[in-house]
Amino acid sequence: MKTLKFSGDIGLDEIFNQHKIDIYNNLLESVRSDWSNLEVSELTIVNISINQIEYSIKLTRDKFINGLEGAISFYESCEEYEKCAECLTLINTLKNNEVEI
C-alpha cells in the first residue's frame, strides 16, 4: 500500500486530483489481490499524510464494484485500456461470486 506524504497548505481534494493514477492503481491492485478473501471487509487503498496528520482512503467490500467502475472511467480518460479490461474482468468475477456475508 502506498503512502502519499505532503507538507504545507494542501487539501485532500487537491491531492486526489493530482494523484488519481496512484490511487486508482492501488485500488485495482488491492481489489485484485484481496477480493477472494471473504474475511476482508474493507481495503485501505492509500494512506495520505499532510503535515504529519494521517488520512486513509478505504473501500468497503460492498463498494468494490463501484470503485472499479470509477477506475474504468478514469482509465478510459487516459486511454489505459488494458487496465479498463482488468477492471471489467474483476467486476464480472465479483458479480459471479457474490456471497452474502
N, C-alpha and C. Protein backbone atom coordinates (compact mmCIF):
# COMPACT_ATOMS: atom_id res chain seq x y z
N MET A 1 0.84 -1.17 0.00
CA MET A 1 0.00 0.00 0.00
C MET A 1 0.90 1.24 0.00
N LYS A 2 0.46 2.21 -0.71
CA LYS A 2 1.24 3.42 -0.89
C LYS A 2 0.84 4.48 0.14
N THR A 3 1.83 5.26 0.58
CA THR A 3 1.58 6.41 1.44
C THR A 3 2.06 7.65 0.69
N LEU A 4 1.16 8.60 0.54
CA LEU A 4 1.50 9.88 -0.09
C LEU A 4 1.74 10.89 1.03
N LYS A 5 2.91 11.53 1.03
CA LYS A 5 3.27 12.46 2.10
C LYS A 5 3.38 13.88 1.55
N PHE A 6 2.78 14.82 2.30
CA PHE A 6 2.77 16.22 1.89
C PHE A 6 2.96 17.10 3.11
N SER A 7 3.47 18.29 2.85
CA SER A 7 3.52 19.31 3.89
C SER A 7 3.10 20.63 3.26
N GLY A 8 2.65 21.53 4.09
CA GLY A 8 2.20 22.81 3.58
C GLY A 8 0.69 22.87 3.49
N ASP A 9 0.20 23.83 2.72
CA ASP A 9 -1.23 24.08 2.60
C ASP A 9 -1.78 23.34 1.39
N ILE A 10 -2.21 22.10 1.59
CA ILE A 10 -2.78 21.29 0.51
C ILE A 10 -3.95 20.51 1.08
N GLY A 11 -5.00 20.38 0.30
CA GLY A 11 -6.19 19.68 0.75
C GLY A 11 -6.31 18.30 0.13
N LEU A 12 -7.18 17.49 0.70
CA LEU A 12 -7.38 16.13 0.19
C LEU A 12 -7.89 16.13 -1.25
N ASP A 13 -8.78 17.07 -1.59
CA ASP A 13 -9.27 17.13 -2.98
C ASP A 13 -8.14 17.39 -3.96
N GLU A 14 -7.27 18.29 -3.62
CA GLU A 14 -6.13 18.60 -4.50
C GLU A 14 -5.21 17.39 -4.64
N ILE A 15 -4.96 16.71 -3.55
CA ILE A 15 -4.12 15.51 -3.60
C ILE A 15 -4.77 14.46 -4.48
N PHE A 16 -6.07 14.24 -4.28
CA PHE A 16 -6.77 13.25 -5.09
C PHE A 16 -6.67 13.60 -6.58
N ASN A 17 -6.91 14.85 -6.92
CA ASN A 17 -6.85 15.25 -8.32
C ASN A 17 -5.45 15.12 -8.92
N GLN A 18 -4.42 15.37 -8.13
CA GLN A 18 -3.05 15.29 -8.63
C GLN A 18 -2.49 13.87 -8.65
N HIS A 19 -3.09 12.98 -7.88
CA HIS A 19 -2.53 11.63 -7.74
C HIS A 19 -3.55 10.54 -8.07
N LYS A 20 -4.47 10.83 -8.96
CA LYS A 20 -5.50 9.86 -9.32
C LYS A 20 -4.90 8.56 -9.83
N ILE A 21 -3.87 8.65 -10.65
CA ILE A 21 -3.28 7.44 -11.21
C ILE A 21 -2.78 6.51 -10.11
N ASP A 22 -2.10 7.06 -9.09
CA ASP A 22 -1.61 6.24 -7.98
C ASP A 22 -2.78 5.64 -7.21
N ILE A 23 -3.79 6.45 -6.97
CA ILE A 23 -4.94 5.99 -6.17
C ILE A 23 -5.70 4.89 -6.91
N TYR A 24 -5.99 5.11 -8.19
CA TYR A 24 -6.72 4.08 -8.94
C TYR A 24 -5.88 2.84 -9.17
N ASN A 25 -4.59 2.98 -9.36
CA ASN A 25 -3.73 1.80 -9.49
C ASN A 25 -3.73 0.99 -8.20
N ASN A 26 -3.68 1.68 -7.06
CA ASN A 26 -3.73 0.97 -5.77
C ASN A 26 -5.09 0.32 -5.55
N LEU A 27 -6.16 0.99 -5.97
CA LEU A 27 -7.49 0.41 -5.86
C LEU A 27 -7.56 -0.89 -6.66
N LEU A 28 -7.12 -0.84 -7.90
CA LEU A 28 -7.15 -2.03 -8.76
C LEU A 28 -6.31 -3.15 -8.17
N GLU A 29 -5.11 -2.85 -7.74
CA GLU A 29 -4.22 -3.87 -7.17
C GLU A 29 -4.80 -4.45 -5.87
N SER A 30 -5.34 -3.59 -5.02
CA SER A 30 -5.90 -4.05 -3.74
C SER A 30 -7.10 -4.98 -3.95
N VAL A 31 -8.01 -4.59 -4.82
CA VAL A 31 -9.18 -5.44 -5.08
C VAL A 31 -8.73 -6.73 -5.74
N ARG A 32 -7.82 -6.64 -6.71
CA ARG A 32 -7.33 -7.84 -7.40
C ARG A 32 -6.73 -8.85 -6.42
N SER A 33 -5.97 -8.35 -5.46
CA SER A 33 -5.27 -9.27 -4.56
C SER A 33 -6.13 -9.76 -3.39
N ASP A 34 -7.19 -9.03 -3.03
CA ASP A 34 -7.91 -9.39 -1.81
C ASP A 34 -9.40 -9.70 -1.96
N TRP A 35 -9.95 -9.63 -3.16
CA TRP A 35 -11.40 -9.82 -3.32
C TRP A 35 -11.84 -11.20 -2.86
N SER A 36 -11.02 -12.21 -3.05
CA SER A 36 -11.44 -13.58 -2.74
C SER A 36 -11.35 -13.91 -1.25
N ASN A 37 -10.69 -13.07 -0.46
CA ASN A 37 -10.59 -13.30 0.98
C ASN A 37 -11.84 -12.71 1.64
N LEU A 38 -12.79 -13.56 1.94
CA LEU A 38 -14.07 -13.11 2.49
C LEU A 38 -13.94 -12.51 3.90
N GLU A 39 -12.80 -12.71 4.53
CA GLU A 39 -12.58 -12.10 5.84
C GLU A 39 -12.25 -10.62 5.71
N VAL A 40 -11.88 -10.18 4.52
CA VAL A 40 -11.56 -8.76 4.28
C VAL A 40 -12.86 -8.03 4.00
N SER A 41 -13.25 -7.15 4.91
CA SER A 41 -14.48 -6.39 4.73
C SER A 41 -14.20 -4.97 4.25
N GLU A 42 -12.91 -4.56 4.32
CA GLU A 42 -12.55 -3.21 3.93
C GLU A 42 -11.08 -3.20 3.50
N LEU A 43 -10.80 -2.46 2.43
CA LEU A 43 -9.43 -2.32 1.95
C LEU A 43 -8.97 -0.89 2.16
N THR A 44 -7.74 -0.72 2.57
CA THR A 44 -7.13 0.60 2.59
C THR A 44 -6.46 0.77 1.24
N ILE A 45 -6.92 1.74 0.47
CA ILE A 45 -6.42 1.96 -0.88
C ILE A 45 -5.13 2.76 -0.85
N VAL A 46 -5.10 3.81 -0.07
CA VAL A 46 -3.90 4.65 0.05
C VAL A 46 -3.95 5.40 1.37
N ASN A 47 -2.79 5.60 1.94
CA ASN A 47 -2.65 6.45 3.12
C ASN A 47 -2.10 7.79 2.66
N ILE A 48 -2.57 8.85 3.28
CA ILE A 48 -2.13 10.20 2.95
C ILE A 48 -1.70 10.89 4.24
N SER A 49 -0.54 11.49 4.20
CA SER A 49 -0.02 12.23 5.34
C SER A 49 0.14 13.69 4.93
N ILE A 50 -0.57 14.58 5.62
CA ILE A 50 -0.46 16.02 5.38
C ILE A 50 -0.01 16.67 6.68
N ASN A 51 1.16 17.25 6.65
CA ASN A 51 1.71 17.88 7.86
C ASN A 51 1.65 16.93 9.05
N GLN A 52 1.99 15.69 8.80
CA GLN A 52 2.05 14.62 9.80
C GLN A 52 0.69 14.24 10.38
N ILE A 53 -0.39 14.61 9.70
CA ILE A 53 -1.72 14.14 10.07
C ILE A 53 -2.09 13.06 9.05
N GLU A 54 -2.50 11.91 9.55
CA GLU A 54 -2.73 10.76 8.70
C GLU A 54 -4.19 10.62 8.28
N TYR A 55 -4.39 10.33 7.01
CA TYR A 55 -5.72 10.05 6.44
C TYR A 55 -5.60 8.75 5.65
N SER A 56 -6.73 8.09 5.46
CA SER A 56 -6.75 6.88 4.65
C SER A 56 -7.94 6.91 3.72
N ILE A 57 -7.74 6.44 2.50
CA ILE A 57 -8.85 6.21 1.58
C ILE A 57 -9.13 4.72 1.65
N LYS A 58 -10.34 4.38 2.05
CA LYS A 58 -10.72 2.98 2.25
C LYS A 58 -11.90 2.64 1.36
N LEU A 59 -12.04 1.37 1.10
CA LEU A 59 -13.14 0.87 0.27
C LEU A 59 -13.71 -0.37 0.92
N THR A 60 -15.00 -0.33 1.26
CA THR A 60 -15.65 -1.49 1.85
C THR A 60 -16.02 -2.48 0.76
N ARG A 61 -16.16 -3.73 1.14
CA ARG A 61 -16.43 -4.80 0.19
C ARG A 61 -17.65 -4.50 -0.68
N ASP A 62 -18.69 -3.92 -0.12
CA ASP A 62 -19.89 -3.64 -0.90
C ASP A 62 -19.68 -2.50 -1.92
N LYS A 63 -18.54 -1.83 -1.86
CA LYS A 63 -18.22 -0.75 -2.80
C LYS A 63 -17.13 -1.14 -3.80
N PHE A 64 -16.66 -2.39 -3.78
CA PHE A 64 -15.61 -2.81 -4.71
C PHE A 64 -16.01 -2.55 -6.16
N ILE A 65 -17.22 -2.94 -6.52
CA ILE A 65 -17.66 -2.78 -7.91
C ILE A 65 -17.78 -1.31 -8.26
N ASN A 66 -18.36 -0.50 -7.39
CA ASN A 66 -18.46 0.95 -7.64
C ASN A 66 -17.07 1.57 -7.81
N GLY A 67 -16.13 1.16 -6.98
CA GLY A 67 -14.77 1.68 -7.08
C GLY A 67 -14.12 1.31 -8.40
N LEU A 68 -14.33 0.06 -8.82
CA LEU A 68 -13.77 -0.38 -10.10
C LEU A 68 -14.43 0.32 -11.27
N GLU A 69 -15.72 0.60 -11.17
CA GLU A 69 -16.40 1.34 -12.23
C GLU A 69 -15.84 2.77 -12.34
N GLY A 70 -15.55 3.38 -11.20
CA GLY A 70 -14.91 4.69 -11.21
C GLY A 70 -13.52 4.63 -11.83
N ALA A 71 -12.80 3.55 -11.53
CA ALA A 71 -11.47 3.36 -12.11
C ALA A 71 -11.56 3.23 -13.63
N ILE A 72 -12.59 2.52 -14.12
CA ILE A 72 -12.76 2.38 -15.57
C ILE A 72 -12.92 3.74 -16.22
N SER A 73 -13.75 4.58 -15.65
CA SER A 73 -13.95 5.93 -16.19
C SER A 73 -12.63 6.70 -16.24
N PHE A 74 -11.86 6.60 -15.17
CA PHE A 74 -10.58 7.28 -15.14
C PHE A 74 -9.63 6.70 -16.18
N TYR A 75 -9.50 5.38 -16.23
CA TYR A 75 -8.58 4.75 -17.17
C TYR A 75 -8.97 5.03 -18.62
N GLU A 76 -10.28 5.10 -18.89
CA GLU A 76 -10.72 5.45 -20.25
C GLU A 76 -10.23 6.85 -20.63
N SER A 77 -10.28 7.78 -19.67
CA SER A 77 -9.87 9.16 -19.96
C SER A 77 -8.38 9.26 -20.26
N CYS A 78 -7.58 8.31 -19.72
CA CYS A 78 -6.14 8.33 -20.04
C CYS A 78 -5.75 7.24 -21.02
N GLU A 79 -6.76 6.63 -21.64
CA GLU A 79 -6.55 5.60 -22.66
C GLU A 79 -5.73 4.42 -22.17
N GLU A 80 -5.95 4.04 -20.92
CA GLU A 80 -5.32 2.87 -20.31
C GLU A 80 -6.28 1.69 -20.44
N TYR A 81 -6.45 1.21 -21.67
CA TYR A 81 -7.49 0.23 -21.95
C TYR A 81 -7.21 -1.15 -21.36
N GLU A 82 -5.95 -1.49 -21.17
CA GLU A 82 -5.64 -2.77 -20.52
C GLU A 82 -6.13 -2.77 -19.08
N LYS A 83 -5.98 -1.64 -18.42
CA LYS A 83 -6.46 -1.55 -17.03
C LYS A 83 -7.99 -1.53 -16.99
N CYS A 84 -8.62 -0.93 -18.01
CA CYS A 84 -10.09 -0.99 -18.11
C CYS A 84 -10.52 -2.46 -18.19
N ALA A 85 -9.83 -3.21 -19.01
CA ALA A 85 -10.16 -4.63 -19.18
C ALA A 85 -9.97 -5.40 -17.87
N GLU A 86 -8.90 -5.09 -17.14
CA GLU A 86 -8.68 -5.73 -15.84
C GLU A 86 -9.83 -5.43 -14.88
N CYS A 87 -10.26 -4.16 -14.87
CA CYS A 87 -11.37 -3.76 -14.01
C CYS A 87 -12.64 -4.51 -14.39
N LEU A 88 -12.93 -4.60 -15.69
CA LEU A 88 -14.13 -5.32 -16.15
C LEU A 88 -14.08 -6.79 -15.77
N THR A 89 -12.92 -7.39 -15.91
CA THR A 89 -12.77 -8.80 -15.52
C THR A 89 -13.05 -8.98 -14.03
N LEU A 90 -12.50 -8.07 -13.21
CA LEU A 90 -12.75 -8.15 -11.77
C LEU A 90 -14.21 -7.93 -11.43
N ILE A 91 -14.85 -6.97 -12.09
CA ILE A 91 -16.27 -6.71 -11.85
C ILE A 91 -17.09 -7.95 -12.17
N ASN A 92 -16.83 -8.57 -13.31
CA ASN A 92 -17.57 -9.78 -13.67
C ASN A 92 -17.31 -10.92 -12.69
N THR A 93 -16.06 -11.04 -12.25
CA THR A 93 -15.73 -12.07 -11.27
C THR A 93 -16.46 -11.81 -9.96
N LEU A 94 -16.46 -10.56 -9.52
CA LEU A 94 -17.16 -10.21 -8.28
C LEU A 94 -18.66 -10.48 -8.39
N LYS A 95 -19.25 -10.11 -9.51
CA LYS A 95 -20.69 -10.32 -9.70
C LYS A 95 -21.03 -11.81 -9.74
N ASN A 96 -20.16 -12.62 -10.32
CA ASN A 96 -20.41 -14.05 -10.43
C ASN A 96 -20.12 -14.79 -9.14
N ASN A 97 -19.42 -14.15 -8.21
CA ASN A 97 -19.04 -14.82 -6.97
C ASN A 97 -19.61 -14.12 -5.75
N GLU A 98 -20.67 -13.33 -5.92
CA GLU A 98 -21.25 -12.64 -4.78
C GLU A 98 -21.72 -13.64 -3.75
N VAL A 99 -21.32 -13.37 -2.51
CA VAL A 99 -21.67 -14.22 -1.38
C VAL A 99 -22.23 -13.32 -0.30
N GLU A 100 -23.32 -13.70 0.26
CA GLU A 100 -23.87 -12.94 1.39
C GLU A 100 -22.98 -13.12 2.60
N ILE A 101 -22.57 -12.00 3.17
CA ILE A 101 -21.69 -12.07 4.36
C ILE A 101 -22.48 -11.69 5.58
